[in-house]
Amino acid sequence: MNYSLYAFDFDGTLVNSLPDLTSTLNHVSQCAGLEVRFSQNHVSTMVGDGVTVLLQRAFPTVRDQEGLREIFDTYYAAHCSSETELYPDVLSTLNALKAAGKELVVITNKPQRFTAPMLINLELQEFFTVVYCGDTFDYKKPDPRVMQKLLGSRSIPAHDALMVGDSSNDIHCAAEAGVDSVLVMYGYGVEGALQSHIKPTYTVESLQELLQL
């Protein structure tokens, strides 16, 4: 555990939110009178860049994206934690890092209105001193300013921080800020991250492997 600050992505890294995201997109489709139905595997290829982009990818021919967003927000706000679960070893790893005096933060592209209640519902909020969401600033991952903002606010040098995530957004955000990164191989965006020209510093099969880095 050679780093003092650990920055975690949320969906696909700490939690498997695909069941609730999938049911929400199917609800949006039904309410909009569309015939398309989504599987979790399909949804996994579309997430990672925030709700606006998710809806554009899911319903590219629908012009009323604002209407879709209203349906999505209302339904997902009520169901964002219904079937979402922590990945294995998340709690034990966070507890071990916290016990070792490490600072833990979340950097996600998910909006704050969903992230905050999910952290509470999943009993994760106590671990994190900072939570940056997709609407905290007018920029988000992969923009390195998110990481730079974090480092500056905590007075931590880049070499003392580690970004943990499942997508190229996480790896690029870290690398362009001079921060090491970990790609979790069980997440949603692994294939795209591995194909990117910017590679992670480490890859892990289980979050618990962070304790050996």
C-alpha atoms as a PDB file:
ATOM      1  CA  MET A   1       0.000   0.000   0.000  1.00  0.00           C
ATOM      2  CA  ASN A   2       2.450   2.589  -1.279  1.00  0.00           C
ATOM      3  CA  TYR A   3      -0.055   5.378  -1.981  1.00  0.00           C
ATOM      4  CA  SER A   4      -1.674   7.794   0.446  1.00  0.00           C
ATOM      5  CA  LEU A   5      -4.796   8.552  -1.629  1.00  0.00           C
ATOM      6  CA  TYR A   6      -6.970   6.042  -3.487  1.00  0.00           C
ATOM      7  CA  ALA A   7      -9.509   7.424  -5.964  1.00  0.00           C
ATOM      8  CA  PHE A   8     -12.235   4.972  -6.974  1.00  0.00           C
ATOM      9  CA  ASP A   9     -14.607   4.939  -9.883  1.00  0.00           C
ATOM     10  CA  PHE A  10     -18.087   3.839  -8.789  1.00  0.00           C
ATOM     11  CA  ASP A  11     -20.128   1.843 -11.337  1.00  0.00           C
ATOM     12  CA  GLY A  12     -18.215  -1.170 -12.590  1.00  0.00           C
ATOM     13  CA  THR A  13     -15.525  -0.762  -9.931  1.00  0.00           C
ATOM     14  CA  LEU A  14     -17.158  -0.687  -6.501  1.00  0.00           C
ATOM     15  CA  VAL A  15     -20.700  -1.660  -7.479  1.00  0.00           C
ATOM     16  CA  ASN A  16     -22.472  -3.682 -10.138  1.00  0.00           C
ATOM     17  CA  SER A  17     -25.293  -1.327 -11.078  1.00  0.00           C
ATOM     18  CA  LEU A  18     -26.199  -3.006 -14.365  1.00  0.00           C
ATOM     19  CA  PRO A  19     -29.442  -4.602 -13.104  1.00  0.00           C
ATOM     20  CA  ASP A  20     -30.944  -1.252 -12.081  1.00  0.00           C
ATOM     21  CA  LEU A  21     -29.606   0.642 -15.089  1.00  0.00           C
ATOM     22  CA  THR A  22     -31.006  -2.013 -17.409  1.00  0.00           C
ATOM     23  CA  SER A  23     -34.441  -2.027 -15.817  1.00  0.00           C
ATOM     24  CA  THR A  24     -34.489   1.772 -15.955  1.00  0.00           C
ATOM     25  CA  LEU A  25     -33.629   1.904 -19.658  1.00  0.00           C
ATOM     26  CA  ASN A  26     -36.314  -0.680 -20.378  1.00  0.00           C
ATOM     27  CA  HIS A  27     -38.794   1.408 -18.401  1.00  0.00           C
ATOM     28  CA  VAL A  28     -37.818   4.498 -20.421  1.00  0.00           C
ATOM     29  CA  SER A  29     -38.269   2.557 -23.652  1.00  0.00           C
ATOM     30  CA  GLN A  30     -41.703   1.314 -22.623  1.00  0.00           C
ATOM     31  CA  CYS A  31     -42.884   4.741 -21.484  1.00  0.00           C
ATOM     32  CA  ALA A  32     -41.679   6.292 -24.734  1.00  0.00           C
ATOM     33  CA  GLY A  33     -43.630   3.712 -26.751  1.00  0.00           C
ATOM     34  CA  LEU A  34     -40.489   2.134 -28.180  1.00  0.00           C
ATOM     35  CA  GLU A  35     -40.012  -1.551 -28.888  1.00  0.00           C
ATOM     36  CA  VAL A  36     -36.310  -1.787 -28.017  1.00  0.00           C
ATOM     37  CA  ARG A  37     -35.413  -3.874 -24.961  1.00  0.00           C
ATOM     38  CA  PHE A  38     -31.995  -4.001 -23.373  1.00  0.00           C
ATOM     39  CA  SER A  39     -29.938  -6.773 -21.782  1.00  0.00           C
ATOM     40  CA  GLN A  40     -27.344  -6.155 -19.093  1.00  0.00           C
ATOM     41  CA  ASN A  41     -24.589  -7.095 -21.521  1.00  0.00           C
ATOM     42  CA  HIS A  42     -25.797  -4.463 -23.967  1.00  0.00           C
ATOM     43  CA  VAL A  43     -26.064  -1.802 -21.284  1.00  0.00           C
ATOM     44  CA  SER A  44     -22.537  -2.565 -20.095  1.00  0.00           C
ATOM     45  CA  THR A  45     -21.214  -1.349 -23.459  1.00  0.00           C
ATOM     46  CA  MET A  46     -22.962   2.022 -23.140  1.00  0.00           C
ATOM     47  CA  VAL A  47     -22.235   3.180 -19.591  1.00  0.00           C
ATOM     48  CA  GLY A  48     -19.362   5.234 -18.260  1.00  0.00           C
ATOM     49  CA  ASP A  49     -19.890   8.706 -19.711  1.00  0.00           C
ATOM     50  CA  GLY A  50     -22.885   9.892 -17.710  1.00  0.00           C
ATOM     51  CA  VAL A  51     -26.651   9.699 -18.176  1.00  0.00           C
ATOM     52  CA  THR A  52     -26.896  12.090 -21.109  1.00  0.00           C
ATOM     53  CA  VAL A  53     -24.510  10.018 -23.217  1.00  0.00           C
ATOM     54  CA  LEU A  54     -26.099   6.769 -22.022  1.00  0.00           C
ATOM     55  CA  LEU A  55     -29.496   7.881 -23.317  1.00  0.00           C
ATOM     56  CA  GLN A  56     -28.020   9.073 -26.594  1.00  0.00           C
ATOM     57  CA  ARG A  57     -26.383   5.697 -27.098  1.00  0.00           C
ATOM     58  CA  ALA A  58     -29.479   3.767 -26.068  1.00  0.00           C
ATOM     59  CA  PHE A  59     -31.954   5.843 -28.113  1.00  0.00           C
ATOM     60  CA  PRO A  60     -29.947   7.493 -30.911  1.00  0.00           C
ATOM     61  CA  THR A  61     -32.962   8.147 -33.149  1.00  0.00           C
ATOM     62  CA  VAL A  62     -35.142   9.806 -30.502  1.00  0.00           C
ATOM     63  CA  ARG A  63     -35.093  13.586 -30.828  1.00  0.00           C
ATOM     64  CA  ASP A  64     -36.739  14.333 -27.476  1.00  0.00           C
ATOM     65  CA  GLN A  65     -33.770  13.405 -25.307  1.00  0.00           C
ATOM     66  CA  GLU A  66     -34.974  15.756 -22.583  1.00  0.00           C
ATOM     67  CA  GLY A  67     -38.205  13.797 -22.313  1.00  0.00           C
ATOM     68  CA  LEU A  68     -36.284  10.552 -22.039  1.00  0.00           C
ATOM     69  CA  ARG A  69     -34.067  12.096 -19.375  1.00  0.00           C
ATOM     70  CA  GLU A  70     -37.058  13.106 -17.292  1.00  0.00           C
ATOM     71  CA  ILE A  71     -38.421   9.556 -17.359  1.00  0.00           C
ATOM     72  CA  PHE A  72     -34.983   8.128 -16.584  1.00  0.00           C
ATOM     73  CA  ASP A  73     -34.285  10.463 -13.674  1.00  0.00           C
ATOM     74  CA  THR A  74     -37.637   9.897 -11.994  1.00  0.00           C
ATOM     75  CA  TYR A  75     -37.513   6.109 -12.253  1.00  0.00           C
ATOM     76  CA  TYR A  76     -33.828   5.636 -11.497  1.00  0.00           C
ATOM     77  CA  ALA A  77     -33.975   7.906  -8.460  1.00  0.00           C
ATOM     78  CA  ALA A  78     -36.516   5.503  -6.957  1.00  0.00           C
ATOM     79  CA  HIS A  79     -34.743   2.298  -8.041  1.00  0.00           C
ATOM     80  CA  CYS A  80     -31.018   3.080  -8.220  1.00  0.00           C
ATOM     81  CA  SER A  81     -30.208   0.746  -5.321  1.00  0.00           C
ATOM     82  CA  SER A  82     -32.904  -1.897  -5.792  1.00  0.00           C
ATOM     83  CA  GLU A  83     -30.666  -4.615  -7.265  1.00  0.00           C
ATOM     84  CA  THR A  84     -27.257  -2.923  -7.285  1.00  0.00           C
ATOM     85  CA  GLU A  85     -24.665  -4.847  -5.280  1.00  0.00           C
ATOM     86  CA  LEU A  86     -21.102  -4.404  -4.131  1.00  0.00           C
ATOM     87  CA  TYR A  87     -18.493  -6.435  -5.938  1.00  0.00           C
ATOM     88  CA  PRO A  88     -16.687  -9.115  -3.907  1.00  0.00           C
ATOM     89  CA  ASP A  89     -13.934  -7.872  -1.568  1.00  0.00           C
ATOM     90  CA  VAL A  90     -15.026  -4.231  -1.759  1.00  0.00           C
ATOM     91  CA  LEU A  91     -15.875  -3.829   1.922  1.00  0.00           C
ATOM     92  CA  SER A  92     -12.866  -5.759   3.191  1.00  0.00           C
ATOM     93  CA  THR A  93     -10.521  -3.795   0.940  1.00  0.00           C
ATOM     94  CA  LEU A  94     -11.963  -0.406   1.870  1.00  0.00           C
ATOM     95  CA  ASN A  95     -11.788  -1.327   5.549  1.00  0.00           C
ATOM     96  CA  ALA A  96      -8.161  -2.405   5.222  1.00  0.00           C
ATOM     97  CA  LEU A  97      -7.170   0.770   3.381  1.00  0.00           C
ATOM     98  CA  LYS A  98      -8.976   2.954   5.889  1.00  0.00           C
ATOM     99  CA  ALA A  99      -7.371   1.106   8.813  1.00  0.00           C
ATOM    100  CA  ALA A 100      -3.975   1.767   7.216  1.00  0.00           C
ATOM    101  CA  GLY A 101      -4.693   5.491   7.247  1.00  0.00           C
ATOM    102  CA  LYS A 102      -5.261   5.906   3.526  1.00  0.00           C
ATOM    103  CA  GLU A 103      -7.552   8.616   2.185  1.00  0.00           C
ATOM    104  CA  LEU A 104     -10.333   7.242  -0.005  1.00  0.00           C
ATOM    105  CA  VAL A 105     -12.341   9.238  -2.536  1.00  0.00           C
ATOM    106  CA  VAL A 106     -14.830   8.589  -5.331  1.00  0.00           C
ATOM    107  CA  ILE A 107     -14.587  10.069  -8.827  1.00  0.00           C
ATOM    108  CA  THR A 108     -17.589   9.079 -10.914  1.00  0.00           C
ATOM    109  CA  ASN A 109     -19.393  10.369 -13.979  1.00  0.00           C
ATOM    110  CA  LYS A 110     -22.732   9.436 -12.380  1.00  0.00           C
ATOM    111  CA  PRO A 111     -24.833  12.471 -11.319  1.00  0.00           C
ATOM    112  CA  GLN A 112     -24.796  13.457  -7.654  1.00  0.00           C
ATOM    113  CA  ARG A 113     -28.533  12.906  -7.214  1.00  0.00           C
ATOM    114  CA  PHE A 114     -27.982   9.166  -7.749  1.00  0.00           C
ATOM    115  CA  THR A 115     -24.489   8.728  -6.322  1.00  0.00           C
ATOM    116  CA  ALA A 116     -25.197  10.204  -2.899  1.00  0.00           C
ATOM    117  CA  PRO A 117     -28.196   8.015  -2.004  1.00  0.00           C
ATOM    118  CA  MET A 118     -26.512   4.935  -3.429  1.00  0.00           C
ATOM    119  CA  LEU A 119     -23.481   5.464  -1.200  1.00  0.00           C
ATOM    120  CA  ILE A 120     -25.828   5.724   1.770  1.00  0.00           C
ATOM    121  CA  ASN A 121     -28.004   2.769   0.798  1.00  0.00           C
ATOM    122  CA  LEU A 122     -24.970   0.559   0.212  1.00  0.00           C
ATOM    123  CA  GLU A 123     -23.339   1.777   3.456  1.00  0.00           C
ATOM    124  CA  LEU A 124     -20.264   3.121   1.714  1.00  0.00           C
ATOM    125  CA  GLN A 125     -20.473   6.837   2.536  1.00  0.00           C
ATOM    126  CA  GLU A 126     -18.370   6.527   5.707  1.00  0.00           C
ATOM    127  CA  PHE A 127     -15.284   5.483   3.748  1.00  0.00           C
ATOM    128  CA  PHE A 128     -14.938   8.510   1.468  1.00  0.00           C
ATOM    129  CA  THR A 129     -13.739  11.990   2.355  1.00  0.00           C
ATOM    130  CA  VAL A 130     -14.487  13.392  -1.110  1.00  0.00           C
ATOM    131  CA  VAL A 131     -17.041  12.415  -3.760  1.00  0.00           C
ATOM    132  CA  TYR A 132     -16.737  14.021  -7.199  1.00  0.00           C
ATOM    133  CA  CYS A 133     -19.720  13.285  -9.450  1.00  0.00           C
ATOM    134  CA  GLY A 134     -20.350  13.856 -13.114  1.00  0.00           C
ATOM    135  CA  ASP A 135     -22.049  17.171 -12.376  1.00  0.00           C
ATOM    136  CA  THR A 136     -19.728  18.435  -9.624  1.00  0.00           C
ATOM    137  CA  PHE A 137     -17.814  20.490 -12.208  1.00  0.00           C
ATOM    138  CA  ASP A 138     -18.488  21.500 -15.799  1.00  0.00           C
ATOM    139  CA  TYR A 139     -16.047  18.775 -16.846  1.00  0.00           C
ATOM    140  CA  LYS A 140     -15.712  15.107 -15.959  1.00  0.00           C
ATOM    141  CA  LYS A 141     -13.540  12.063 -16.641  1.00  0.00           C
ATOM    142  CA  PRO A 142     -11.513  11.574 -18.786  1.00  0.00           C
ATOM    143  CA  ASP A 143     -10.673  15.264 -18.345  1.00  0.00           C
ATOM    144  CA  PRO A 144      -7.546  15.306 -16.124  1.00  0.00           C
ATOM    145  CA  ARG A 145      -8.734  18.491 -14.438  1.00  0.00           C
ATOM    146  CA  VAL A 146     -10.925  16.316 -12.222  1.00  0.00           C
ATOM    147  CA  MET A 147      -7.869  14.556 -10.824  1.00  0.00           C
ATOM    148  CA  GLN A 148      -5.836  17.754 -10.724  1.00  0.00           C
ATOM    149  CA  LYS A 149      -8.616  19.438  -8.748  1.00  0.00           C
ATOM    150  CA  LEU A 150      -8.590  16.572  -6.277  1.00  0.00           C
ATOM    151  CA  LEU A 151      -4.819  16.592  -5.828  1.00  0.00           C
ATOM    152  CA  GLY A 152      -4.765  20.336  -5.347  1.00  0.00           C
ATOM    153  CA  SER A 153      -7.574  20.304  -2.797  1.00  0.00           C
ATOM    154  CA  ARG A 154      -5.857  17.592  -0.735  1.00  0.00           C
ATOM    155  CA  SER A 155      -2.288  18.932  -1.226  1.00  0.00           C
ATOM    156  CA  ILE A 156      -1.170  15.518  -2.453  1.00  0.00           C
ATOM    157  CA  PRO A 157       1.493  15.048  -5.165  1.00  0.00           C
ATOM    158  CA  ALA A 158       0.505  13.005  -8.194  1.00  0.00           C
ATOM    159  CA  HIS A 159       2.944  10.198  -7.402  1.00  0.00           C
ATOM    160  CA  ASP A 160       1.201   9.649  -4.068  1.00  0.00           C
ATOM    161  CA  ALA A 161      -2.254   8.965  -5.574  1.00  0.00           C
ATOM    162  CA  LEU A 162      -3.767   5.949  -7.314  1.00  0.00           C
ATOM    163  CA  MET A 163      -6.852   5.871  -9.564  1.00  0.00           C
ATOM    164  CA  VAL A 164      -8.872   2.646  -9.549  1.00  0.00           C
ATOM    165  CA  GLY A 165     -11.424   2.057 -12.295  1.00  0.00           C
ATOM    166  CA  ASP A 166     -12.774  -0.160 -15.033  1.00  0.00           C
ATOM    167  CA  SER A 167     -12.675   2.054 -18.128  1.00  0.00           C
ATOM    168  CA  SER A 168     -10.449   4.123 -20.368  1.00  0.00           C
ATOM    169  CA  ASN A 169     -12.000   7.249 -18.841  1.00  0.00           C
ATOM    170  CA  ASP A 170     -10.410   6.359 -15.512  1.00  0.00           C
ATOM    171  CA  ILE A 171      -7.046   5.413 -16.989  1.00  0.00           C
ATOM    172  CA  HIS A 172      -6.833   8.525 -19.189  1.00  0.00           C
ATOM    173  CA  CYS A 173      -7.916  10.871 -16.392  1.00  0.00           C
ATOM    174  CA  ALA A 174      -5.164   9.497 -14.165  1.00  0.00           C
ATOM    175  CA  ALA A 175      -2.396   9.276 -16.755  1.00  0.00           C
ATOM    176  CA  GLU A 176      -2.857  12.812 -18.035  1.00  0.00           C
ATOM    177  CA  ALA A 177      -2.612  14.080 -14.449  1.00  0.00           C
ATOM    178  CA  GLY A 178       0.551  12.067 -13.809  1.00  0.00           C
ATOM    179  CA  VAL A 179      -1.229   9.591 -11.533  1.00  0.00           C
ATOM    180  CA  ASP A 180      -0.794   5.805 -11.515  1.00  0.00           C
ATOM    181  CA  SER A 181      -3.874   3.728 -12.293  1.00  0.00           C
ATOM    182  CA  VAL A 182      -5.400   0.310 -11.727  1.00  0.00           C
ATOM    183  CA  LEU A 183      -7.767  -1.363 -14.181  1.00  0.00           C
ATOM    184  CA  VAL A 184     -10.147  -3.801 -12.471  1.00  0.00           C
ATOM    185  CA  MET A 185     -10.624  -6.670 -14.879  1.00  0.00           C
ATOM    186  CA  TYR A 186     -14.150  -7.525 -13.702  1.00  0.00           C
ATOM    187  CA  GLY A 187     -15.689  -4.163 -14.681  1.00  0.00           C
ATOM    188  CA  TYR A 188     -17.818  -2.989 -17.598  1.00  0.00           C
ATOM    189  CA  GLY A 189     -15.314  -1.070 -19.695  1.00  0.00           C
ATOM    190  CA  VAL A 190     -12.296  -3.356 -19.576  1.00  0.00           C
ATOM    191  CA  GLU A 191     -12.232  -4.214 -23.281  1.00  0.00           C
ATOM    192  CA  GLY A 192     -12.152  -0.598 -24.350  1.00  0.00           C
ATOM    193  CA  ALA A 193      -9.530   0.269 -21.755  1.00  0.00           C
ATOM    194  CA  LEU A 194      -7.235  -2.510 -22.903  1.00  0.00           C
ATOM    195  CA  GLN A 195      -7.544  -1.342 -26.515  1.00  0.00           C
ATOM    196  CA  SER A 196      -6.669   2.246 -25.626  1.00  0.00           C
ATOM    197  CA  HIS A 197      -3.241   3.664 -26.410  1.00  0.00           C
ATOM    198  CA  ILE A 198      -2.924   4.717 -22.758  1.00  0.00           C
ATOM    199  CA  LYS A 199      -2.391   1.678 -20.575  1.00  0.00           C
ATOM    200  CA  PRO A 200      -3.054   1.245 -16.844  1.00  0.00           C
ATOM    201  CA  THR A 201      -0.140   1.000 -14.446  1.00  0.00           C
ATOM    202  CA  TYR A 202      -1.607  -2.168 -12.972  1.00  0.00           C
ATOM    203  CA  THR A 203      -4.419  -4.637 -13.647  1.00  0.00           C
ATOM    204  CA  VAL A 204      -6.162  -6.637 -10.908  1.00  0.00           C
ATOM    205  CA  GLU A 205      -8.680  -9.450 -10.919  1.00  0.00           C
ATOM    206  CA  SER A 206      -9.942  -8.593  -7.431  1.00  0.00           C
ATOM    207  CA  LEU A 207     -10.063  -5.299  -5.563  1.00  0.00           C
ATOM    208  CA  GLN A 208      -8.244  -6.966  -2.695  1.00  0.00           C
ATOM    209  CA  GLU A 209      -5.092  -7.013  -4.809  1.00  0.00           C
ATOM    210  CA  LEU A 210      -4.809  -3.275  -4.165  1.00  0.00           C
ATOM    211  CA  LEU A 211      -3.437  -4.153  -0.758  1.00  0.00           C
ATOM    212  CA  GLN A 212      -0.335  -5.612  -2.400  1.00  0.00           C
ATOM    213  CA  LEU A 213       0.480  -2.571  -4.553  1.00  0.00           C
END
